[in-house]
Amino acid sequence: MEIKVATENDKEFVMSIDKHVDDAGYSNRVYTKSCYIISAKNQRIGIIVHCVLWDHLPFINLIFIKEEYRNKGYAKQAIVCWEREMKGQGYKMTLISTQTDESAQHLYRKLGYVDCGGLVFHDTPFDQPMEIFFRKVL
């Protein structure tokens, strides 16, 4: 398993997964190196998309593994690789989040992430279960 920074060659793959990004947004991800392709056995199996809050706090805002590759440890390996990348770039801490009704929270805690807050969007255009945020000192 490996992760690599997305390029223009990965656009179709990424946009087939992430319906929230348009052409300009994808180009920005390539330029800022904020999207990684997760590969296993020479197959693209997922993506990690992150942003950097306040210029010093990397935050994974999307990690996606294709259905047939789930529950095989790829997400765990990808996050560990991404953390190594972030630490190598000089970052001291990372953030990640998930909805309260999603099982990813258990993986994040196993990886050493600590609950650090949440957002509630009830009665808004973004109505969803609470989003839990996690932090990890690298």
Foldseek 3Di string as FASTA:
>chain_A
DDKDQDDPVCVVVVCVPDVPADPVRVVVCNVVSQKIFQDDPNHGFWMWGWDAPPNAEIETADTDGHPVCPPVCSVVVHVVNVVVVSVVVPHFKYKYKDAPPDPVVVVCVVVPWDWDDWDADPPHPPHDHIITMTMHTD
